[in-house]
Amino acid sequence: MKKAIALVALLAAATWAHAQFTFELEGQVAYIDDGDTIILHPGSQRIRLAEIDAPETDHGPGKPGQPYGTTARAALTAMMPVGSEVKAQCYEHDAHGRAVCRVMYQNVDISLEMARLGHAHAYKEYVRDPRIIGAADYAKARQLGLWNAGNAVYPQTWRRSCWTEGSQPLFCSTGESSNAQPVLVTQPVPSVTPHPTATTQQVRAREVINGLTKYLALAFELLKTVPLP
């Protein structure tokens, strides 16, 4: 039993250590590139919102945008307009040189809100915070945002399948055209509000419970492999 308890403690410690931030950034939002990437002023600092993956916007010939891509960017613009003063707690820099960060604006965790309102997927390969998975599950269960738009292809699947040469799946033809116009901050954007049937506190509680449930399930699976005395 002591070995089992030690294993659970080790798993919890490893999860906590993995979630630590290594540096911070502050500035004004200068540009919103898509539903998960922004540029901060000063310094033109490119920030990738951590732990979420929003539908792709159009990237020119051979790289069509996904359904809901421009809508996700519009939603992020509504949530955190250009000129907003934000703080970012960052984990690392990715292969493209972007800082991978959790961004806060007016005490709102933007990654968490984008997932909860259905504007982005949980980036499952890189999730550090189990609440992100709980938030995405919440949106999917209620068919919010991209989950209600149809053809909710995981962005990583879209990049791999639709941005490469050769035979492409049928779903690639449903993306935005290469001449799709970007959503400007001066244009109207959809209202971003919580689901009307639940308070913010209730939603947060569900997110935490859903995320912790997934981690506890993993812990119990590991416990099955530990021989008891």
Protein backbone atom coordinates (compact mmCIF):
# COMPACT_ATOMS: atom_id res chain seq x y z
CA MET A 1 0.00 0.00 0.00
CA LYS A 2 2.86 2.37 0.76
CA LYS A 3 4.20 1.79 -2.73
CA ALA A 4 0.78 2.61 -4.19
CA ILE A 5 0.53 5.85 -2.22
CA ALA A 6 4.06 6.79 -3.25
CA LEU A 7 3.18 6.19 -6.90
CA VAL A 8 0.15 8.46 -6.73
CA ALA A 9 2.22 11.14 -5.00
CA LEU A 10 4.90 10.82 -7.66
CA LEU A 11 2.32 11.17 -10.43
CA ALA A 12 0.88 14.29 -8.79
CA ALA A 13 4.33 15.80 -8.30
CA ALA A 14 5.30 15.11 -11.90
CA THR A 15 2.09 16.70 -13.18
CA TRP A 16 2.66 19.80 -11.03
CA ALA A 17 6.31 20.13 -12.06
CA HIS A 18 5.36 19.81 -15.72
CA ALA A 19 2.92 22.69 -15.40
CA GLN A 20 5.37 25.28 -14.10
CA PHE A 21 5.87 28.54 -15.97
CA THR A 22 9.42 29.65 -16.76
CA PHE A 23 9.01 33.32 -17.75
CA GLU A 24 6.44 36.12 -18.04
CA LEU A 25 5.54 38.68 -20.69
CA GLU A 26 3.41 41.82 -20.57
CA GLY A 27 2.23 44.19 -23.27
CA GLN A 28 -0.55 45.33 -25.55
CA VAL A 29 -2.24 43.10 -28.10
CA ALA A 30 -0.97 44.43 -31.44
CA TYR A 31 -2.45 41.82 -33.76
CA ILE A 32 -4.57 38.67 -33.60
CA ASP A 33 -3.28 36.21 -36.16
CA ASP A 34 -5.83 33.45 -35.60
CA GLY A 35 -7.78 31.78 -32.81
CA ASP A 36 -4.68 30.80 -30.86
CA THR A 37 -1.86 33.16 -31.90
CA ILE A 38 -1.36 36.84 -31.05
CA ILE A 39 1.39 39.46 -31.32
CA LEU A 40 2.23 41.72 -28.39
CA HIS A 41 3.68 45.23 -28.43
CA PRO A 42 6.40 46.23 -27.69
CA GLY A 43 8.82 43.95 -29.41
CA SER A 44 6.41 42.17 -31.78
CA GLN A 45 6.37 39.20 -29.41
CA ARG A 46 4.53 36.28 -30.99
CA ILE A 47 2.52 34.28 -28.46
CA ARG A 48 0.91 30.90 -28.99
CA LEU A 49 -1.95 30.37 -26.54
CA ALA A 50 -0.95 27.31 -24.55
CA GLU A 51 -2.88 24.04 -24.46
CA ILE A 52 -5.51 24.89 -27.09
CA ASP A 53 -5.63 24.48 -30.87
CA ALA A 54 -8.08 26.67 -32.78
CA PRO A 55 -9.37 25.85 -36.28
CA GLU A 56 -6.91 27.00 -38.93
CA THR A 57 -7.40 30.19 -40.92
CA ASP A 58 -6.40 30.44 -44.57
CA HIS A 59 -2.62 30.38 -45.12
CA GLY A 60 -2.54 30.87 -48.88
CA PRO A 61 -2.33 28.43 -51.80
CA GLY A 62 -2.31 24.81 -50.70
CA LYS A 63 -3.18 25.66 -47.10
CA PRO A 64 -6.95 26.23 -46.94
CA GLY A 65 -8.65 27.45 -43.81
CA GLN A 66 -10.93 25.23 -41.79
CA PRO A 67 -14.62 25.82 -41.21
CA TYR A 68 -14.95 28.11 -38.16
CA GLY A 69 -11.35 29.35 -38.52
CA THR A 70 -12.18 33.03 -39.04
CA THR A 71 -14.99 32.80 -36.50
CA ALA A 72 -12.53 31.56 -33.87
CA ARG A 73 -10.26 34.51 -34.63
CA ALA A 74 -13.24 36.88 -34.37
CA ALA A 75 -14.18 35.33 -31.01
CA LEU A 76 -10.65 35.83 -29.69
CA THR A 77 -10.75 39.43 -30.92
CA ALA A 78 -14.03 40.01 -29.07
CA MET A 79 -12.63 38.44 -25.94
CA MET A 80 -9.29 40.30 -26.03
CA PRO A 81 -9.40 43.25 -28.48
CA VAL A 82 -6.37 44.82 -30.10
CA GLY A 83 -4.88 47.33 -27.65
CA SER A 84 -5.72 45.23 -24.59
CA GLU A 85 -3.13 45.15 -21.82
CA VAL A 86 -2.39 41.50 -21.08
CA LYS A 87 -0.10 39.38 -18.97
CA ALA A 88 1.29 36.07 -20.15
CA GLN A 89 2.79 33.27 -18.09
CA CYS A 90 4.90 31.20 -20.43
CA TYR A 91 6.25 27.67 -20.51
CA GLU A 92 8.70 27.75 -23.41
CA HIS A 93 9.30 28.77 -27.03
CA ASP A 94 8.03 26.46 -29.74
CA ALA A 95 9.75 25.38 -32.96
CA HIS A 96 8.47 28.55 -34.68
CA GLY A 97 9.98 30.84 -32.05
CA ARG A 98 6.63 31.70 -30.46
CA ALA A 99 6.30 31.97 -26.70
CA VAL A 100 3.84 29.31 -25.50
CA CYS A 101 1.82 31.02 -22.78
CA ARG A 102 -1.34 31.19 -20.73
CA VAL A 103 -2.63 34.71 -21.31
CA MET A 104 -4.72 36.61 -18.77
CA TYR A 105 -6.92 39.59 -19.65
CA GLN A 106 -9.14 41.22 -17.04
CA ASN A 107 -8.63 38.18 -14.79
CA VAL A 108 -9.86 35.84 -17.54
CA ASP A 109 -7.74 32.88 -18.59
CA ILE A 110 -8.03 33.15 -22.37
CA SER A 111 -7.03 29.57 -23.21
CA LEU A 112 -9.60 28.23 -20.77
CA GLU A 113 -12.36 30.50 -22.10
CA MET A 114 -11.64 29.69 -25.74
CA ALA A 115 -11.98 25.98 -24.95
CA ARG A 116 -15.04 26.43 -22.72
CA LEU A 117 -16.96 28.46 -25.28
CA GLY A 118 -16.17 26.05 -28.10
CA HIS A 119 -13.80 28.29 -30.05
CA ALA A 120 -10.83 25.91 -29.78
CA HIS A 121 -9.95 22.28 -29.17
CA ALA A 122 -7.93 21.11 -26.21
CA TYR A 123 -4.44 20.55 -27.64
CA LYS A 124 -4.31 17.13 -26.05
CA GLU A 125 -0.69 16.40 -26.90
CA TYR A 126 0.39 19.46 -24.93
CA VAL A 127 -2.20 19.85 -22.17
CA ARG A 128 -0.66 20.59 -18.78
CA ASP A 129 -3.79 21.82 -17.02
CA PRO A 130 -6.62 19.22 -16.79
CA ARG A 131 -9.19 22.02 -16.66
CA ILE A 132 -8.57 22.63 -20.38
CA ILE A 133 -9.81 19.13 -21.21
CA GLY A 134 -12.81 19.61 -18.91
CA ALA A 135 -13.63 22.93 -20.59
CA ALA A 136 -13.44 21.44 -24.09
CA ASP A 137 -15.62 18.50 -23.03
CA TYR A 138 -18.13 20.98 -21.60
CA ALA A 139 -18.35 22.82 -24.95
CA LYS A 140 -18.58 19.62 -26.99
CA ALA A 141 -21.35 18.19 -24.81
CA ARG A 142 -23.39 21.36 -25.37
CA GLN A 143 -22.50 21.73 -29.06
CA LEU A 144 -21.07 25.20 -28.54
CA GLY A 145 -19.05 27.10 -31.13
CA LEU A 146 -17.11 24.86 -33.53
CA TRP A 147 -18.92 21.79 -32.21
CA ASN A 148 -22.19 23.22 -33.57
CA ALA A 149 -20.69 24.32 -36.88
CA GLY A 150 -20.19 20.79 -38.21
CA ASN A 151 -17.05 19.08 -39.54
CA ALA A 152 -15.07 19.74 -36.36
CA VAL A 153 -11.79 18.30 -37.64
CA TYR A 154 -8.92 18.41 -35.14
CA PRO A 155 -6.56 21.18 -36.42
CA GLN A 156 -3.51 18.93 -36.23
CA THR A 157 -5.32 16.43 -38.45
CA TRP A 158 -6.25 19.26 -40.83
CA ARG A 159 -2.64 20.47 -41.08
CA ARG A 160 -1.33 16.98 -41.68
CA SER A 161 -4.02 15.90 -44.14
CA CYS A 162 -4.99 19.10 -45.97
CA TRP A 163 -1.71 21.01 -46.18
CA THR A 164 0.32 18.24 -47.82
CA GLU A 165 0.58 17.16 -51.43
CA GLY A 166 -1.10 14.05 -52.74
CA SER A 167 -4.47 12.51 -52.08
CA GLN A 168 -6.51 14.58 -49.62
CA PRO A 169 -9.56 13.54 -47.57
CA LEU A 170 -12.95 14.79 -48.71
CA PHE A 171 -13.29 17.05 -45.66
CA CYS A 172 -10.44 19.25 -46.95
CA SER A 173 -12.72 20.65 -49.65
CA THR A 174 -15.03 22.18 -47.04
CA GLY A 175 -12.49 24.74 -45.81
CA GLU A 176 -12.48 28.47 -46.44
CA SER A 177 -11.31 29.58 -49.85
CA SER A 178 -7.80 30.93 -50.29
CA ASN A 179 -9.19 34.43 -50.89
CA ALA A 180 -11.25 34.51 -47.68
CA GLN A 181 -11.06 37.94 -46.11
CA PRO A 182 -9.52 38.26 -42.64
CA VAL A 183 -11.71 39.43 -39.78
CA LEU A 184 -10.72 42.99 -38.94
CA VAL A 185 -11.05 44.38 -35.44
CA THR A 186 -13.23 47.19 -36.77
CA GLN A 187 -15.83 44.70 -37.99
CA PRO A 188 -18.63 43.39 -35.76
CA VAL A 189 -17.71 40.23 -33.95
CA PRO A 190 -19.97 37.69 -32.22
CA SER A 191 -20.81 38.21 -28.58
CA VAL A 192 -18.85 35.94 -26.26
CA THR A 193 -20.94 35.07 -23.22
CA PRO A 194 -21.09 32.13 -20.83
CA HIS A 195 -23.73 29.45 -21.30
CA PRO A 196 -26.94 30.92 -19.84
CA THR A 197 -27.92 27.86 -17.84
CA ALA A 198 -24.87 27.84 -15.56
CA THR A 199 -23.07 30.37 -13.41
CA THR A 200 -19.37 30.99 -13.91
CA GLN A 201 -18.62 29.28 -10.58
CA GLN A 202 -20.62 26.20 -11.60
CA VAL A 203 -18.85 26.00 -14.94
CA ARG A 204 -15.42 26.32 -13.31
CA ALA A 205 -16.33 23.58 -10.84
CA ARG A 206 -17.38 21.24 -13.66
CA GLU A 207 -14.15 21.96 -15.56
CA VAL A 208 -12.02 21.12 -12.54
CA ILE A 209 -14.01 17.96 -11.78
CA ASN A 210 -13.88 16.73 -15.38
CA GLY A 211 -10.15 17.35 -15.63
CA LEU A 212 -9.33 15.76 -12.30
CA THR A 213 -11.47 12.75 -13.13
CA LYS A 214 -9.31 12.03 -16.18
CA TYR A 215 -6.12 12.28 -14.14
CA LEU A 216 -7.51 10.11 -11.34
CA ALA A 217 -8.49 7.47 -13.88
CA LEU A 218 -4.89 7.41 -15.09
CA ALA A 219 -3.64 7.13 -11.51
CA PHE A 220 -5.94 4.18 -10.80
CA GLU A 221 -4.78 2.41 -13.95
CA LEU A 222 -1.20 2.82 -12.75
CA LEU A 223 -2.16 1.52 -9.29
CA LYS A 224 -3.38 -1.72 -10.85
CA THR A 225 0.18 -2.45 -11.90
CA VAL A 226 1.57 -2.07 -8.37
CA PRO A 227 1.66 -5.32 -6.35
CA LEU A 228 0.22 -4.88 -2.89
CA PRO A 229 2.00 -6.50 0.14
